[in-house]
Amino acid sequence: MFTQLFGNYLLNKGLVSSAQLSQALEAQKKTRVKLGVLAINAGYMTAVQVDEAHAEQQRADKRFGDICVEKGFLSAAQVDELLGKQGQAHLQLGQALVDSGAMTNTSFADALSAYKAENSLSDVDFNDKSGSKVDELIAKLYSFEGEERSVMLTEYVTLLFKNLIRFIGDDFTPLAPEKIPSARVSFCAEQRICGGGFDCLTAFDASEQGYIAFASRFAGEQLTDADAMTDAANTEFMNLHNGLFTVNISNDMEKELDLLPPDSVRNGTVEGPVYRISVVYPFGTTAFYLTV
C-alpha cells in the first residue's frame, strides 16, 4: 500500500501526470529495480554518482555494481545487500517512472526523500508487515474530520484499499476524498449498511469499460459486456467487502451492522451529502461513494 500512497503523493505534488502514473503502475510488475535506484534510496550513493556510473557502463562492458565498487561508490557487501532488495514495490514504481522518462533519478530521489520526511518514514517502515504505518498514512489522508462517524469511515476506506489489492489488483492510485452534495452514477453497484448508529449507502461506479474491467478482475475471467454476469461480480465485490467491514466493526467496536441486498444501477443518482473516493486504475478511474 506504500506504493499506492506514494503514487498519490507524486500526483498531488504535480511531479507526474495521471497518465504517466497509470502507465508506470501497469509496468512496475515487469520492472526490475536497478542498483542505482536502490543505492540512492539506501543513502549509499547520490543521483550524480549513479548517473556517472551509468555513463561509464555505456563505455565499458562491466556490470553497474562492479563499476560502483571500482569507483569507491559502493562496497561489495553493499552491492550484495542492495541486490536483495530489488522486489520493493515503491522502488519498482520509481524505476518504471525513470525508465519511461517521467522522472529522473534525481527527481525521484528528491521526491522519495521528501515523502519520507513529511510522513516520518524509514526504510524499516516500508518493510513493516504489520501494516500499522500504512494505516496511519491512510488515516491521515482519509480522516473525514468533523464527521460524527469519522473513525468508522476511515476504517471503511482502509479496508477497501486492502481488499482492492487482494481481489482486484495493486496497480492503482487513490485520490483524496471529495465531499459533494450528490453524485451521478453511470454503471454502479451499491449496497446500504445500517444499524449501530451507522446508516450509509455505499456505491461503486465506473464507465462501462471500467465497470467491465473491474468485474473481470474480480471474477478472474474476461467479461465483455455490462450484463448480468458483470453486475453479479461487482455487487458480489461490494457485498464481500461490506461483509468484512461489518465483521471488523463488530469485533473492534462491538457495534452490530446489517447489510441490505446489493443492487446494480444504470444512470442514477447517489443522494448526499456523499464522499467520493476516486481510484485510478490503468483501465480507468473508478469511484467509491459513502453517504453521510
Protein backbone atom coordinates (compact mmCIF):
# COMPACT_ATOMS: atom_id res chain seq x y z
CA MET A 1 0.00 0.00 0.00
CA PHE A 2 3.02 2.30 0.37
CA THR A 3 3.28 2.24 -3.42
CA GLN A 4 -0.28 3.46 -3.91
CA LEU A 5 0.06 6.19 -1.28
CA PHE A 6 3.41 7.32 -2.68
CA GLY A 7 1.79 7.48 -6.13
CA ASN A 8 -0.90 9.71 -4.64
CA TYR A 9 1.87 11.97 -3.26
CA LEU A 10 3.60 12.23 -6.64
CA LEU A 11 0.32 13.07 -8.32
CA ASN A 12 -0.73 15.68 -5.74
CA LYS A 13 2.68 17.38 -5.94
CA GLY A 14 2.40 17.60 -9.73
CA LEU A 15 5.57 15.55 -10.20
CA VAL A 16 3.86 13.13 -12.59
CA SER A 17 0.62 13.11 -14.56
CA SER A 18 -2.20 10.65 -14.01
CA ALA A 19 -1.40 9.02 -17.35
CA GLN A 20 2.31 8.68 -16.51
CA LEU A 21 1.50 7.18 -13.14
CA SER A 22 -1.02 4.70 -14.55
CA GLN A 23 1.49 3.60 -17.19
CA ALA A 24 4.18 3.10 -14.53
CA LEU A 25 1.83 1.16 -12.24
CA GLU A 26 0.99 -1.14 -15.12
CA ALA A 27 4.67 -1.63 -15.96
CA GLN A 28 6.08 -1.91 -12.44
CA LYS A 29 5.47 -5.66 -12.03
CA LYS A 30 7.68 -6.29 -15.05
CA THR A 31 10.26 -3.79 -13.85
CA ARG A 32 13.46 -4.89 -12.18
CA VAL A 33 14.73 -2.18 -9.84
CA LYS A 34 18.23 -1.16 -10.85
CA LEU A 35 21.04 -0.89 -8.36
CA GLY A 36 21.23 2.87 -8.86
CA VAL A 37 17.71 3.48 -7.55
CA LEU A 38 18.34 1.11 -4.64
CA ALA A 39 21.64 2.80 -3.79
CA ILE A 40 20.04 6.26 -3.79
CA ASN A 41 17.18 5.04 -1.61
CA ALA A 42 19.64 3.50 0.86
CA GLY A 43 21.67 6.70 1.00
CA TYR A 44 24.79 4.95 -0.30
CA MET A 45 25.06 7.00 -3.50
CA THR A 46 23.90 10.33 -4.85
CA ALA A 47 21.97 10.71 -8.09
CA VAL A 48 25.06 12.34 -9.63
CA GLN A 49 27.17 9.29 -8.76
CA VAL A 50 24.54 6.97 -10.23
CA ASP A 51 24.49 8.94 -13.48
CA GLU A 52 28.29 8.84 -13.58
CA ALA A 53 28.30 5.05 -13.15
CA HIS A 54 25.62 4.67 -15.83
CA ALA A 55 27.70 6.75 -18.23
CA GLU A 56 30.74 4.57 -17.52
CA GLN A 57 28.64 1.46 -18.12
CA GLN A 58 27.87 2.70 -21.63
CA ARG A 59 31.61 2.94 -22.32
CA ALA A 60 32.73 -0.32 -20.72
CA ASP A 61 31.36 -3.86 -20.73
CA LYS A 62 31.02 -4.04 -16.96
CA ARG A 63 28.22 -4.56 -14.51
CA PHE A 64 26.89 -1.49 -12.74
CA GLY A 65 27.78 -2.89 -9.31
CA ASP A 66 31.35 -3.63 -10.35
CA ILE A 67 31.79 -0.09 -11.66
CA CYS A 68 30.50 1.38 -8.39
CA VAL A 69 32.89 -0.77 -6.36
CA GLU A 70 35.81 0.28 -8.59
CA LYS A 71 34.92 3.95 -8.19
CA GLY A 72 34.54 3.58 -4.44
CA PHE A 73 30.84 4.46 -4.51
CA LEU A 74 29.81 1.09 -3.01
CA SER A 75 31.44 -1.79 -1.21
CA ALA A 76 30.95 -5.36 -2.40
CA ALA A 77 28.86 -6.05 0.70
CA GLN A 78 26.60 -3.10 -0.09
CA VAL A 79 26.09 -4.37 -3.64
CA ASP A 80 25.01 -7.77 -2.28
CA GLU A 81 22.69 -6.09 0.21
CA LEU A 82 21.03 -3.97 -2.48
CA LEU A 83 20.55 -6.91 -4.81
CA GLY A 84 18.39 -8.49 -2.12
CA LYS A 85 16.02 -5.50 -2.14
CA GLN A 86 15.01 -5.49 -5.80
CA GLY A 87 11.44 -6.59 -5.09
CA GLN A 88 10.32 -3.49 -3.16
CA ALA A 89 7.20 -2.25 -4.92
CA HIS A 90 7.60 1.50 -4.32
CA LEU A 91 11.09 1.33 -5.81
CA GLN A 92 9.77 -0.68 -8.75
CA LEU A 93 7.30 2.14 -9.34
CA GLY A 94 10.14 4.68 -9.21
CA GLN A 95 12.21 2.62 -11.63
CA ALA A 96 9.27 2.41 -14.03
CA LEU A 97 8.83 6.19 -13.88
CA VAL A 98 12.55 6.72 -14.54
CA ASP A 99 12.57 4.18 -17.38
CA SER A 100 9.61 5.88 -19.06
CA GLY A 101 11.23 9.32 -18.80
CA ALA A 102 8.50 10.66 -16.48
CA MET A 103 11.13 11.28 -13.77
CA THR A 104 14.90 11.39 -13.48
CA ASN A 105 16.95 9.62 -10.86
CA THR A 106 17.41 12.95 -9.13
CA SER A 107 13.73 13.97 -9.14
CA PHE A 108 12.67 10.53 -7.92
CA ALA A 109 15.28 10.54 -5.15
CA ASP A 110 14.21 14.01 -4.04
CA ALA A 111 10.52 13.05 -4.07
CA LEU A 112 11.05 9.86 -2.08
CA SER A 113 13.21 11.68 0.46
CA ALA A 114 10.60 14.42 0.87
CA TYR A 115 7.80 11.85 1.22
CA LYS A 116 9.71 10.00 3.92
CA ALA A 117 10.46 13.23 5.79
CA GLU A 118 6.90 14.53 5.55
CA ASN A 119 5.47 11.29 6.95
CA SER A 120 8.33 10.34 9.33
CA LEU A 121 9.05 7.15 7.40
CA SER A 122 12.16 4.99 7.40
CA ASP A 123 13.19 2.09 5.19
CA VAL A 124 12.19 -0.19 8.06
CA ASP A 125 8.64 1.16 7.84
CA PHE A 126 8.46 0.26 4.15
CA ASN A 127 9.24 -3.35 5.08
CA ASP A 128 6.87 -3.48 8.06
CA LYS A 129 4.47 -6.38 7.50
CA SER A 130 2.13 -5.35 10.33
CA GLY A 131 0.66 -2.53 8.26
CA SER A 132 0.45 -0.16 11.22
CA LYS A 133 2.32 2.66 9.46
CA VAL A 134 0.18 2.23 6.34
CA ASP A 135 -2.95 2.52 8.48
CA GLU A 136 -1.58 5.77 9.93
CA LEU A 137 -0.96 7.20 6.47
CA ILE A 138 -4.45 6.25 5.28
CA ALA A 139 -5.99 7.78 8.40
CA LYS A 140 -4.03 10.97 7.70
CA LEU A 141 -5.29 11.20 4.11
CA TYR A 142 -8.82 9.99 4.88
CA SER A 143 -9.52 11.49 8.29
CA PHE A 144 -13.10 12.64 7.44
CA GLU A 145 -12.53 15.36 10.01
CA GLY A 146 -15.72 16.77 11.51
CA GLU A 147 -17.88 13.78 10.64
CA GLU A 148 -19.67 12.09 13.54
CA ARG A 149 -18.69 8.65 12.23
CA SER A 150 -15.20 9.63 11.07
CA VAL A 151 -13.47 6.62 12.69
CA MET A 152 -15.84 4.16 11.02
CA LEU A 153 -15.49 5.90 7.66
CA THR A 154 -11.70 5.76 7.90
CA GLU A 155 -11.91 2.07 8.85
CA TYR A 156 -14.09 1.50 5.79
CA VAL A 157 -11.63 3.12 3.40
CA THR A 158 -8.62 1.39 4.99
CA LEU A 159 -10.24 -2.00 4.47
CA LEU A 160 -11.37 -1.01 0.98
CA PHE A 161 -7.81 -0.42 -0.19
CA LYS A 162 -6.68 -3.72 1.30
CA ASN A 163 -9.50 -5.55 -0.47
CA LEU A 164 -8.78 -3.80 -3.76
CA ILE A 165 -5.20 -5.05 -3.55
CA ARG A 166 -6.37 -8.53 -2.55
CA PHE A 167 -9.19 -9.02 -5.06
CA ILE A 168 -8.72 -6.53 -7.92
CA GLY A 169 -5.04 -5.60 -8.17
CA ASP A 170 -2.46 -3.29 -6.63
CA ASP A 171 -1.89 -1.17 -9.75
CA PHE A 172 -4.00 1.77 -8.58
CA THR A 173 -3.62 5.26 -7.16
CA PRO A 174 -6.12 6.51 -4.54
CA LEU A 175 -7.10 10.17 -4.70
CA ALA A 176 -8.07 12.43 -1.81
CA PRO A 177 -11.73 12.27 -0.71
CA GLU A 178 -14.19 14.85 -2.01
CA LYS A 179 -17.40 15.77 -0.21
CA ILE A 180 -20.17 16.61 -2.68
CA PRO A 181 -23.95 17.22 -2.42
CA SER A 182 -24.83 14.24 -4.64
CA ALA A 183 -23.32 12.11 -7.36
CA ARG A 184 -24.45 11.00 -10.79
CA VAL A 185 -23.52 7.38 -11.48
CA SER A 186 -23.34 5.54 -14.81
CA PHE A 187 -22.56 1.87 -14.17
CA CYS A 188 -22.94 1.33 -10.46
CA ALA A 189 -23.09 -1.37 -7.80
CA GLU A 190 -24.48 -0.22 -4.46
CA GLN A 191 -25.38 -1.53 -1.02
CA ARG A 192 -26.68 0.04 2.16
CA ILE A 193 -25.14 -0.57 5.57
CA CYS A 194 -27.35 0.18 8.57
CA GLY A 195 -27.61 -0.37 12.30
CA GLY A 196 -25.32 0.51 15.18
CA GLY A 197 -25.75 4.21 14.50
CA PHE A 198 -24.26 3.82 11.04
CA ASP A 199 -26.66 4.32 8.11
CA CYS A 200 -24.61 4.57 4.94
CA LEU A 201 -25.20 3.88 1.27
CA THR A 202 -22.01 2.55 -0.29
CA ALA A 203 -21.56 2.52 -4.06
CA PHE A 204 -19.01 1.71 -6.73
CA ASP A 205 -19.25 3.50 -10.08
CA ALA A 206 -17.26 3.48 -13.31
CA SER A 207 -17.53 3.96 -17.04
CA GLU A 208 -18.93 0.99 -18.96
CA GLN A 209 -15.46 -0.30 -19.86
CA GLY A 210 -14.15 0.33 -16.36
CA TYR A 211 -17.15 -1.48 -14.87
CA ILE A 212 -16.48 -4.50 -17.10
CA ALA A 213 -12.73 -4.46 -16.40
CA PHE A 214 -13.28 -4.29 -12.62
CA ALA A 215 -15.72 -7.21 -12.76
CA SER A 216 -13.35 -9.22 -14.96
CA ARG A 217 -10.56 -8.88 -12.43
CA PHE A 218 -12.77 -9.86 -9.53
CA ALA A 219 -14.32 -12.81 -11.36
CA GLY A 220 -10.98 -13.98 -12.72
CA GLU A 221 -12.32 -14.25 -16.25
CA GLN A 222 -12.62 -11.96 -19.25
CA LEU A 223 -16.09 -10.41 -19.37
CA THR A 224 -17.07 -8.45 -22.44
CA ASP A 225 -20.42 -6.80 -21.71
CA ALA A 226 -22.03 -4.85 -18.88
CA ASP A 227 -24.60 -7.61 -18.41
CA ALA A 228 -25.99 -9.71 -15.59
CA MET A 229 -22.69 -11.55 -15.06
CA THR A 230 -20.81 -8.27 -14.74
CA ASP A 231 -23.42 -6.88 -12.36
CA ALA A 232 -23.21 -10.07 -10.28
CA ALA A 233 -19.42 -9.80 -9.99
CA ASN A 234 -19.42 -6.14 -8.96
CA THR A 235 -22.29 -6.45 -6.49
CA GLU A 236 -20.55 -9.51 -5.03
CA PHE A 237 -17.39 -7.46 -4.50
CA MET A 238 -19.41 -4.82 -2.66
CA ASN A 239 -21.18 -7.49 -0.59
CA LEU A 240 -17.88 -9.21 0.25
CA HIS A 241 -16.10 -6.01 1.21
CA ASN A 242 -19.04 -4.66 3.21
CA GLY A 243 -19.46 -8.01 4.94
CA LEU A 244 -15.84 -7.99 6.06
CA PHE A 245 -16.29 -4.40 7.24
CA THR A 246 -19.30 -5.31 9.41
CA VAL A 247 -17.34 -8.20 10.95
CA ASN A 248 -14.41 -5.90 11.77
CA ILE A 249 -16.70 -3.29 13.33
CA SER A 250 -18.40 -5.97 15.40
CA ASN A 251 -15.07 -7.31 16.64
CA ASP A 252 -13.30 -3.97 17.18
CA MET A 253 -16.13 -1.65 18.25
CA GLU A 254 -18.84 -4.07 19.40
CA LYS A 255 -21.33 -2.48 17.01
CA GLU A 256 -23.66 -4.74 15.06
CA LEU A 257 -24.31 -3.63 11.48
CA ASP A 258 -26.71 -5.04 8.90
CA LEU A 259 -26.38 -5.24 5.13
CA LEU A 260 -29.28 -4.78 2.73
CA PRO A 261 -29.12 -6.75 -0.54
CA PRO A 262 -26.74 -5.14 -3.08
CA ASP A 263 -28.10 -3.82 -6.36
CA SER A 264 -26.86 -2.58 -9.73
CA VAL A 265 -27.85 0.83 -11.11
CA ARG A 266 -27.61 2.46 -14.52
CA ASN A 267 -27.56 6.23 -14.91
CA GLY A 268 -28.76 7.02 -11.41
CA THR A 269 -28.03 9.38 -8.54
CA VAL A 270 -26.48 8.87 -5.12
CA GLU A 271 -28.13 11.46 -2.92
CA GLY A 272 -25.81 13.13 -0.47
CA PRO A 273 -24.04 14.60 1.16
CA VAL A 274 -21.61 11.97 -0.09
CA TYR A 275 -17.87 11.35 -0.07
CA ARG A 276 -16.32 10.36 -3.37
CA ILE A 277 -13.11 8.32 -3.19
CA SER A 278 -11.65 8.08 -6.67
CA VAL A 279 -9.29 5.24 -7.51
CA VAL A 280 -7.23 5.40 -10.70
CA TYR A 281 -6.53 2.07 -12.40
CA PRO A 282 -4.87 1.58 -15.81
CA PHE A 283 -8.32 0.69 -17.18
CA GLY A 284 -9.79 3.97 -15.96
CA THR A 285 -10.87 5.93 -12.90
CA THR A 286 -13.40 4.27 -10.63
CA ALA A 287 -15.23 5.95 -7.77
CA PHE A 288 -16.48 4.71 -4.44
CA TYR A 289 -19.20 6.66 -2.64
CA LEU A 290 -20.09 6.86 1.04
CA THR A 291 -23.15 8.83 2.14
CA VAL A 292 -23.06 10.75 5.42
